[in-house]
Amino acid sequence: MGLFDFFSTKRNEPVRPSSVTRPSSTSKREQAPLRLGRVSNPKKESFKVSDTKEIEKNLKVLTKPQENEMTFYCPIRNAKIYCHSVLIDKLGDLTKFVISSIHEGHTIEEICALTQMGNTTINEELDYLIRGGLMEDDKQTLTELGKQYGVLIKRFSELSEGIDVAFNTFADKFEVIEEDQLVSNTESRYILESHFIPALTRNDNYSNSLEIAKNQIESEMPFCREIKKSLYSTVRIEGTELKYRPVYLRDFSRGYSSENEPSVRIAIPYVMVVYKLRYKMADEYRDVMPRISNINEKYDDLLSDKAKLLLNMVAEEDEAETITVYINTITGQLIRTNDDLCGAPNDPAVYVLDTQPMQLGLDEDHCKGLYLQEISRKHFYQLRFFPYSRMEV
């Protein structure tokens, strides 16, 4: 009589027939113990529920992460950058005039006529330039260094009103921004705070001002090392923000645990899920397993091999360790510990991403016949800094 036929025909406690003899202890010992491994094939093709450590290597996120984008607004102030040179600062006005005039192709006679100065004064300037390596001995031709001085004086004259730039008060840097990249009205929730200290802007070479100045100065020709080293910049920044620059954050996998440059602090949602491993084969009979177990305690010889196999399955499930994982609900990344996680942040300066639904599963190729049963879940957050330099414009 099969076990499940027995359940369908008997409602009371079964009575053992007198003709049925109880197996001897010897015959019991000789019976091969029933082990749960491969129900249909004794060769090991997948894992038992007790192989928790190995099964954890075959976890996979079944839910495809959704695309996320956050838009932030950097306050912008109008600013000007002025470029200077220590070498040019040392030159007098007459010396700079002579250099620039010769560089533009004027003769010494024309220079004398324009300045109404005597030959003696002009010759003294020419001798000074020769000693400084800026003019050839013929007093007509500038040396290569002198030509570079001439270009530099010309560029300084052209940029005497300053280089118009935008100053990003969040990033604490100067930027060349087209007007159509700026907006006037925006959501105050996503306006980023200023990071710069106004008093420090009076220092030479503030932030990246010198880099921008050099790019402007060297647009016509590259300068020699001596002149490059002599350059320095000063800035003037207006006192109010009139417009904002939108920047976009789309990659939430590249955050940092500490802030080394102007950054946005974002709380990345995680979910902690606890799972129990289950055998698919046992699911159909879970409702009757208590009755099967009760019969096994009293009349184990009445159970079929399949019933005993099911009992072994359930026993292994109960003894197997639970699996606890932490899932990044934005990227789908799995981590094993909550050392870096916290509860929901209360800091208004922290931007909190919405939790996305995530479902975990097993690699069917290696974990045939098994599945994960969710026991509990709890939400956490990971605080990360996303630098301005990684944002898209």
Protein backbone atom coordinates (compact mmCIF):
# COMPACT_ATOMS: atom_id res chain seq x y z
CA MET A 1 0.00 0.00 0.00
CA GLY A 2 1.44 3.33 -0.99
CA LEU A 3 1.72 6.15 1.52
CA PHE A 4 -0.49 8.57 -0.39
CA ASP A 5 -3.11 5.86 -1.16
CA PHE A 6 -3.07 5.22 2.53
CA PHE A 7 -3.92 8.84 3.26
CA SER A 8 -6.82 8.75 0.80
CA THR A 9 -8.46 5.63 2.27
CA LYS A 10 -7.64 5.74 5.98
CA ARG A 11 -8.77 8.47 8.37
CA ASN A 12 -8.05 6.72 11.70
CA GLU A 13 -4.78 5.51 13.15
CA PRO A 14 -3.68 2.50 11.10
CA VAL A 15 -3.83 -0.98 12.63
CA ARG A 16 -0.85 -3.20 12.00
CA PRO A 17 -1.96 -6.55 10.47
CA SER A 18 -0.93 -9.63 12.44
CA SER A 19 0.64 -11.15 9.34
CA VAL A 20 3.05 -8.26 8.97
CA THR A 21 6.23 -8.76 10.89
CA ARG A 22 8.32 -5.82 12.12
CA PRO A 23 11.70 -5.75 10.44
CA SER A 24 14.51 -6.89 12.62
CA SER A 25 17.13 -4.46 13.84
CA THR A 26 19.64 -6.27 11.65
CA SER A 27 17.60 -5.70 8.51
CA LYS A 28 17.23 -2.05 9.44
CA ARG A 29 20.96 -1.68 9.77
CA GLU A 30 21.48 -3.32 6.40
CA GLN A 31 19.17 -0.83 4.67
CA ALA A 32 21.14 1.85 2.88
CA PRO A 33 20.40 5.24 4.47
CA LEU A 34 18.36 7.52 2.28
CA ARG A 35 20.32 10.63 1.38
CA LEU A 36 19.04 13.70 -0.37
CA GLY A 37 21.33 14.61 -3.21
CA ARG A 38 20.03 13.78 -6.63
CA VAL A 39 16.52 12.51 -6.65
CA SER A 40 16.58 11.42 -10.27
CA ASN A 41 20.28 10.87 -10.71
CA PRO A 42 22.78 9.72 -8.07
CA LYS A 43 25.58 11.67 -9.73
CA LYS A 44 26.15 15.05 -8.11
CA GLU A 45 24.94 17.71 -10.54
CA SER A 46 23.81 20.33 -8.03
CA PHE A 47 23.90 21.15 -4.34
CA LYS A 48 22.05 20.15 -1.20
CA VAL A 49 20.42 22.80 0.94
CA SER A 50 23.21 22.22 3.44
CA ASP A 51 25.81 23.45 0.91
CA THR A 52 25.10 27.02 1.92
CA LYS A 53 28.55 28.46 1.25
CA GLU A 54 28.68 27.04 -2.25
CA ILE A 55 25.12 28.05 -3.02
CA GLU A 56 25.87 31.66 -2.01
CA LYS A 57 28.31 31.76 -4.93
CA ASN A 58 25.42 31.04 -7.30
CA LEU A 59 23.07 33.80 -6.16
CA LYS A 60 21.88 36.19 -8.84
CA VAL A 61 19.63 39.24 -8.96
CA LEU A 62 16.57 38.48 -11.05
CA THR A 63 15.30 42.06 -11.21
CA LYS A 64 16.84 44.30 -13.87
CA PRO A 65 18.05 47.55 -12.24
CA GLN A 66 16.12 50.60 -13.34
CA GLU A 67 17.86 53.57 -14.88
CA ASN A 68 18.19 56.46 -12.45
CA GLU A 69 19.12 60.08 -12.96
CA MET A 70 19.43 62.96 -10.54
CA THR A 71 19.71 66.59 -11.63
CA PHE A 72 21.53 69.11 -9.47
CA TYR A 73 22.03 72.83 -9.95
CA CYS A 74 25.37 74.56 -9.35
CA PRO A 75 25.17 78.27 -8.45
CA ILE A 76 27.07 80.38 -10.98
CA ARG A 77 28.59 83.84 -10.55
CA ASN A 78 30.06 86.02 -13.26
CA ALA A 79 33.81 86.42 -12.90
CA LYS A 80 36.92 87.80 -14.60
CA ILE A 81 40.43 86.38 -14.69
CA TYR A 82 43.43 88.63 -15.19
CA CYS A 83 46.78 87.25 -16.32
CA HIS A 84 50.16 88.70 -15.31
CA SER A 85 53.85 87.87 -15.64
CA VAL A 86 56.57 88.48 -13.09
CA LEU A 87 58.96 89.15 -15.99
CA ILE A 88 56.71 91.74 -17.62
CA ASP A 89 55.99 93.35 -14.24
CA LYS A 90 59.71 94.13 -13.94
CA LEU A 91 59.75 96.06 -17.24
CA GLY A 92 59.11 99.77 -17.39
CA ASP A 93 56.47 101.26 -19.67
CA LEU A 94 59.06 102.53 -22.16
CA THR A 95 60.73 99.10 -22.35
CA LYS A 96 57.41 97.39 -23.01
CA PHE A 97 56.60 100.00 -25.64
CA VAL A 98 59.91 99.46 -27.45
CA ILE A 99 59.54 95.66 -27.42
CA SER A 100 55.97 95.71 -28.69
CA SER A 101 56.77 98.32 -31.36
CA ILE A 102 59.70 96.32 -32.74
CA HIS A 103 57.60 93.13 -32.56
CA GLU A 104 54.93 94.87 -34.65
CA GLY A 105 57.52 95.78 -37.30
CA HIS A 106 58.31 99.41 -36.50
CA THR A 107 61.84 100.70 -37.02
CA ILE A 108 63.93 102.47 -34.42
CA GLU A 109 63.48 105.72 -36.37
CA GLU A 110 59.70 105.34 -36.21
CA ILE A 111 59.88 104.67 -32.48
CA CYS A 112 61.95 107.83 -31.97
CA ALA A 113 59.47 109.84 -33.98
CA LEU A 114 56.46 108.45 -32.09
CA THR A 115 57.93 109.10 -28.66
CA GLN A 116 59.69 112.36 -29.48
CA MET A 117 62.60 111.05 -27.44
CA GLY A 118 66.21 111.52 -28.36
CA ASN A 119 68.40 108.78 -29.76
CA THR A 120 70.32 108.60 -26.49
CA THR A 121 67.27 107.49 -24.50
CA ILE A 122 66.19 104.95 -27.11
CA ASN A 123 69.72 103.55 -27.43
CA GLU A 124 69.90 103.08 -23.67
CA GLU A 125 66.71 101.02 -23.87
CA LEU A 126 68.11 98.99 -26.76
CA ASP A 127 71.34 98.29 -24.86
CA TYR A 128 69.24 97.18 -21.88
CA LEU A 129 67.32 94.75 -24.11
CA ILE A 130 70.56 93.39 -25.59
CA ARG A 131 71.96 92.72 -22.11
CA GLY A 132 68.75 90.96 -21.16
CA GLY A 133 68.93 88.68 -24.19
CA LEU A 134 65.83 90.17 -25.79
CA MET A 135 67.48 91.91 -28.78
CA GLU A 136 70.21 91.08 -31.23
CA ASP A 137 73.35 93.22 -31.41
CA ASP A 138 72.09 94.90 -34.60
CA LYS A 139 69.55 96.79 -32.49
CA GLN A 140 66.91 95.98 -35.10
CA THR A 141 65.87 92.39 -34.42
CA LEU A 142 64.34 90.76 -31.38
CA THR A 143 65.74 87.43 -30.19
CA GLU A 144 63.41 84.44 -29.88
CA LEU A 145 62.93 85.31 -26.23
CA GLY A 146 62.29 88.94 -27.17
CA LYS A 147 59.65 87.84 -29.68
CA GLN A 148 57.89 85.88 -26.96
CA TYR A 149 57.94 88.97 -24.77
CA GLY A 150 56.37 90.85 -27.65
CA VAL A 151 53.55 88.29 -28.02
CA LEU A 152 52.97 88.27 -24.28
CA ILE A 153 52.74 92.08 -24.05
CA LYS A 154 50.29 92.04 -26.97
CA ARG A 155 48.08 89.39 -25.35
CA PHE A 156 48.11 91.22 -22.03
CA SER A 157 46.95 94.35 -23.84
CA GLU A 158 44.14 92.46 -25.58
CA LEU A 159 43.01 90.87 -22.32
CA SER A 160 43.46 93.94 -20.16
CA GLU A 161 39.73 93.96 -19.36
CA GLY A 162 39.98 90.41 -18.06
CA ILE A 163 38.81 87.01 -19.32
CA ASP A 164 35.06 86.57 -18.88
CA VAL A 165 34.29 83.27 -17.17
CA ALA A 166 31.70 81.67 -14.93
CA PHE A 167 32.57 80.80 -11.35
CA ASN A 168 30.91 77.63 -10.07
CA THR A 169 30.52 78.28 -6.34
CA PHE A 170 29.76 74.61 -5.58
CA ALA A 171 32.74 73.18 -7.46
CA ASP A 172 34.90 76.16 -6.41
CA LYS A 173 36.29 76.48 -9.91
CA PHE A 174 36.14 78.69 -12.98
CA GLU A 175 34.44 77.40 -16.10
CA VAL A 176 33.86 78.59 -19.64
CA ILE A 177 30.11 78.07 -20.02
CA GLU A 178 27.85 78.97 -22.91
CA GLU A 179 24.80 81.00 -21.97
CA ASP A 180 22.40 78.31 -23.20
CA GLN A 181 23.88 75.89 -20.63
CA LEU A 182 22.54 77.99 -17.74
CA VAL A 183 19.06 78.24 -16.24
CA SER A 184 17.48 80.94 -14.09
CA ASN A 185 14.63 79.12 -12.32
CA THR A 186 15.07 75.76 -10.65
CA GLU A 187 14.03 73.54 -7.75
CA SER A 188 15.57 74.83 -4.52
CA ARG A 189 15.80 71.26 -3.15
CA TYR A 190 18.53 70.42 -5.64
CA ILE A 191 20.53 73.66 -5.59
CA LEU A 192 23.98 72.76 -4.33
CA GLU A 193 25.69 74.74 -1.59
CA SER A 194 28.68 77.01 -2.18
CA HIS A 195 32.06 75.62 -1.13
CA PHE A 196 34.36 78.58 -1.69
CA ILE A 197 35.70 81.11 0.84
CA PRO A 198 35.46 84.64 -0.63
CA ALA A 199 38.51 85.94 1.26
CA LEU A 200 40.74 83.34 -0.40
CA THR A 201 39.86 84.59 -3.87
CA ARG A 202 42.22 87.54 -3.31
CA ASN A 203 45.17 85.15 -3.50
CA ASP A 204 47.11 84.79 -6.75
CA ASN A 205 46.29 81.73 -8.90
CA TYR A 206 43.04 81.04 -7.07
CA SER A 207 41.50 77.68 -7.93
CA ASN A 208 42.00 76.87 -11.65
CA SER A 209 42.24 80.51 -12.78
CA LEU A 210 45.86 80.23 -13.94
CA GLU A 211 45.06 77.21 -16.09
CA ILE A 212 42.34 79.15 -17.92
CA ALA A 213 44.56 82.21 -18.24
CA LYS A 214 47.41 80.18 -19.74
CA ASN A 215 45.07 78.61 -22.28
CA GLN A 216 43.96 82.09 -23.37
CA ILE A 217 47.45 83.58 -23.43
CA GLU A 218 48.97 80.70 -25.38
CA SER A 219 46.23 80.57 -28.01
CA GLU A 220 48.58 82.16 -30.63
CA MET A 221 51.90 80.51 -29.74
CA PRO A 222 53.39 78.34 -26.99
CA PHE A 223 55.79 80.06 -24.66
CA CYS A 224 59.14 78.91 -23.42
CA ARG A 225 59.50 77.47 -19.95
CA GLU A 226 60.91 80.71 -18.53
CA ILE A 227 57.83 82.71 -19.51
CA LYS A 228 55.38 79.98 -18.51
CA LYS A 229 56.85 79.89 -15.02
CA SER A 230 56.51 83.66 -14.74
CA LEU A 231 52.74 83.74 -15.33
CA TYR A 232 50.25 84.25 -12.52
CA SER A 233 46.58 85.20 -12.30
CA THR A 234 44.23 87.28 -10.21
CA VAL A 235 40.43 87.13 -10.19
CA ARG A 236 37.36 89.19 -9.53
CA ILE A 237 34.09 87.42 -8.68
CA GLU A 238 30.68 89.07 -8.51
CA GLY A 239 28.85 88.85 -5.23
CA THR A 240 25.56 87.16 -6.22
CA GLU A 241 24.41 84.06 -8.07
CA LEU A 242 22.11 84.88 -10.93
CA LYS A 243 21.98 81.58 -12.78
CA TYR A 244 22.56 77.86 -12.30
CA ARG A 245 24.26 75.12 -14.23
CA PRO A 246 22.42 71.77 -14.37
CA VAL A 247 24.60 68.70 -13.87
CA TYR A 248 23.47 65.09 -14.03
CA LEU A 249 24.35 62.00 -12.04
CA ARG A 250 23.52 58.71 -13.72
CA ASP A 251 26.20 56.29 -12.55
CA PHE A 252 25.59 55.44 -8.89
CA SER A 253 28.25 52.73 -8.71
CA ARG A 254 31.22 55.11 -8.48
CA GLY A 255 30.71 56.79 -5.13
CA TYR A 256 33.33 57.22 -2.42
CA SER A 257 33.21 56.74 1.33
CA SER A 258 35.01 60.05 1.96
CA GLU A 259 35.03 63.50 0.37
CA ASN A 260 38.25 64.57 -1.33
CA GLU A 261 36.74 67.21 -3.63
CA PRO A 262 33.38 69.02 -3.92
CA SER A 263 30.83 66.22 -3.92
CA VAL A 264 27.15 65.42 -3.54
CA ARG A 265 26.31 63.09 -0.65
CA ILE A 266 23.74 60.47 -1.59
CA ALA A 267 22.08 57.70 0.42
CA ILE A 268 22.03 54.52 -1.68
CA PRO A 269 19.17 52.19 -0.65
CA TYR A 270 19.96 48.59 0.28
CA VAL A 271 17.66 45.80 1.33
CA MET A 272 18.73 43.04 3.71
CA VAL A 273 16.93 39.81 2.83
CA VAL A 274 17.07 36.56 4.82
CA TYR A 275 16.36 33.37 2.86
CA LYS A 276 15.85 29.69 3.63
CA LEU A 277 16.81 27.11 1.05
CA ARG A 278 14.01 24.78 -0.04
CA TYR A 279 13.64 21.71 -2.21
CA LYS A 280 11.11 22.10 -5.00
CA MET A 281 10.16 18.41 -4.80
CA ALA A 282 8.91 18.79 -1.22
CA ASP A 283 6.52 21.66 -1.99
CA GLU A 284 3.67 19.45 -3.21
CA TYR A 285 3.57 17.53 0.08
CA ARG A 286 4.33 20.15 2.72
CA ASP A 287 0.73 20.15 3.99
CA VAL A 288 0.86 16.44 4.82
CA MET A 289 4.44 16.31 6.12
CA PRO A 290 3.33 16.52 9.81
CA ARG A 291 1.18 13.42 9.35
CA ILE A 292 3.97 11.59 7.51
CA SER A 293 6.36 12.45 10.34
CA ASN A 294 3.87 11.19 12.91
CA ILE A 295 3.50 7.87 11.13
CA ASN A 296 7.26 7.56 10.80
CA GLU A 297 7.65 7.83 14.57
CA LYS A 298 5.26 4.97 15.19
CA TYR A 299 5.27 2.77 12.09
CA ASP A 300 8.29 3.64 9.97
CA ASP A 301 8.03 0.39 8.02
CA LEU A 302 4.74 1.59 6.51
CA LEU A 303 6.38 4.53 4.76
CA SER A 304 7.43 4.32 1.15
CA ASP A 305 10.91 5.25 0.02
CA LYS A 306 9.51 8.48 -1.39
CA ALA A 307 7.96 9.44 1.94
CA LYS A 308 11.24 8.78 3.72
CA LEU A 309 13.04 10.85 1.10
CA LEU A 310 10.64 13.73 1.71
CA LEU A 311 11.24 13.49 5.46
CA ASN A 312 14.98 13.69 4.86
CA MET A 313 14.47 16.72 2.64
CA VAL A 314 12.48 18.63 5.22
CA ALA A 315 14.92 17.71 7.97
CA GLU A 316 17.82 19.03 5.90
CA GLU A 317 15.93 22.24 5.17
CA ASP A 318 15.32 22.82 8.88
CA GLU A 319 18.96 22.22 9.76
CA ALA A 320 20.45 24.29 6.92
CA GLU A 321 21.71 27.78 7.72
CA THR A 322 19.82 30.78 6.44
CA ILE A 323 21.34 32.98 3.73
CA THR A 324 21.52 36.71 4.44
CA VAL A 325 22.37 39.13 1.64
CA TYR A 326 22.37 42.90 1.21
CA ILE A 327 21.23 44.07 -2.21
CA ASN A 328 21.94 47.50 -3.68
CA THR A 329 18.49 48.25 -5.07
CA ILE A 330 19.92 50.78 -7.55
CA THR A 331 22.74 48.75 -9.15
CA GLY A 332 21.82 45.20 -8.10
CA GLN A 333 25.19 44.70 -6.41
CA LEU A 334 25.34 42.13 -3.58
CA ILE A 335 27.35 42.58 -0.39
CA ARG A 336 27.72 40.21 2.57
CA THR A 337 27.99 42.62 5.51
CA ASN A 338 26.20 45.67 6.85
CA ASP A 339 29.32 47.31 8.30
CA ASP A 340 28.98 50.21 5.85
CA LEU A 341 25.19 50.56 6.11
CA CYS A 342 22.94 52.69 8.29
CA GLY A 343 19.31 53.60 8.81
CA ALA A 344 17.45 56.31 6.90
CA PRO A 345 19.47 59.57 7.16
CA ASN A 346 17.94 62.70 8.71
CA ASP A 347 20.54 65.13 7.36
CA PRO A 348 18.86 67.47 4.83
CA ALA A 349 22.18 67.75 2.98
CA VAL A 350 21.95 64.04 2.09
CA TYR A 351 19.93 63.16 -1.00
CA VAL A 352 18.04 59.88 -0.61
CA LEU A 353 17.35 57.66 -3.61
CA ASP A 354 14.07 55.77 -3.76
CA THR A 355 14.24 52.05 -3.04
CA GLN A 356 13.62 49.85 -6.08
CA PRO A 357 12.07 46.36 -5.81
CA MET A 358 14.67 43.61 -6.04
CA GLN A 359 14.31 39.84 -6.24
CA LEU A 360 17.08 37.29 -5.75
CA GLY A 361 17.29 33.81 -7.27
CA LEU A 362 19.64 30.88 -7.86
CA ASP A 363 21.63 29.84 -10.89
CA GLU A 364 19.48 27.00 -12.23
CA ASP A 365 22.43 25.31 -13.91
CA HIS A 366 24.16 24.66 -10.58
CA CYS A 367 21.26 24.65 -8.13
CA LYS A 368 18.69 22.42 -9.78
CA GLY A 369 15.74 21.49 -7.62
CA LEU A 370 16.38 24.27 -5.10
CA TYR A 371 14.88 27.70 -4.54
CA LEU A 372 15.03 30.56 -2.05
CA GLN A 373 12.18 31.24 0.35
CA GLU A 374 12.23 34.77 1.72
CA ILE A 375 11.98 34.90 5.51
CA SER A 376 12.39 38.61 6.19
CA ARG A 377 13.70 41.86 4.75
CA LYS A 378 14.89 45.16 6.18
CA HIS A 379 15.94 48.43 4.55
CA PHE A 380 19.30 50.16 5.00
CA TYR A 381 21.27 52.93 3.31
CA GLN A 382 24.87 53.40 2.26
CA LEU A 383 26.19 56.98 2.31
CA ARG A 384 28.42 57.80 -0.63
CA PHE A 385 30.12 60.92 -1.99
CA PHE A 386 29.80 61.55 -5.73
CA PRO A 387 32.31 64.19 -6.89
CA TYR A 388 31.38 67.00 -9.23
CA SER A 389 34.11 65.90 -11.63
CA ARG A 390 32.21 62.65 -12.28
CA MET A 391 28.92 64.36 -13.12
CA GLU A 392 27.69 64.94 -16.63
CA VAL A 393 26.79 68.35 -18.03
